[in-house]
Amino acid sequence: MKERIEQAVAVLVGLPLVDYGRAADMMMFGFGDLVHAVNYRGESIERAEYRLHVQCHWRIADAKGIVVGARDLYYPADEAVDVKDFNWDTSESRLVRRMSEFWSEHAQSPLAVQSVDCDGLGGLRLHLTGGFTLELFPDDSLPDENWRLFRSGDQSKHFVVTGAGIEE
C-alpha cells in the first residue's frame, strides 16, 4: 500500500498549495495551476489542478507546533464562547479562523510540496516549503474513505484511501 500511495501522490511534488475549502467536516486542499472546471451545480469555476479531499484527521504544522488541525472545526474561533453553545456548522470555528490567518500569511508566496512520505496504513505527510507539513492520519479501522486525490475535471481517476485499503 505504501508504494502505491507514494506513486499516486508523487504528482504533487513541486506544486504549490493554491486553495483550500471545506464541505461539512471534509477538508479540501488544492495544488498546482488553477484550471477551469465545472462544479456539482454545473457552473464553470476555477479550481486547482489537483484536489486532495480529506475525511480523516489532518494537521498543518511547523517546528513551533500545530498551526491548525481537523479538530479545530469543533471549537469556536472566539475563545469567550462556551463550546457547549457552539455549533460548528453555522458559526465561525477555530479551524476557519486559523486557516484564514495561515492562508493570508502565505498568499504572496504560496507554499509548495517539496517531498512526500507515507505509511502502509494510509497516512500521508506532505513536506511544504517554509518548514511546514500537511499530515493526514487515518485513525480508525472502518472501511470508510479517509482521503482521495484526483485531477480536477477527471471523474474517472480518483485515488481513494479507505480503512480497508486503496480504491482506484
Foldseek 3Di string as FASTA:
>chain_A
DQVVVQVVCVVQAPWFFQDWDDDVLKIKTATHDWDWAADPVRDIDTTHQKMKIFDAKKFKAFPVGTQAISCQLQAQCDPVDDSVPDDSVPHHTVRNVSVVVVCVVCVVPTWGFNHKGADPQGWIWTQIPPRMIMIFDHDDQDQDWGMWMDGGPDPPDIWTQGSVGTDD
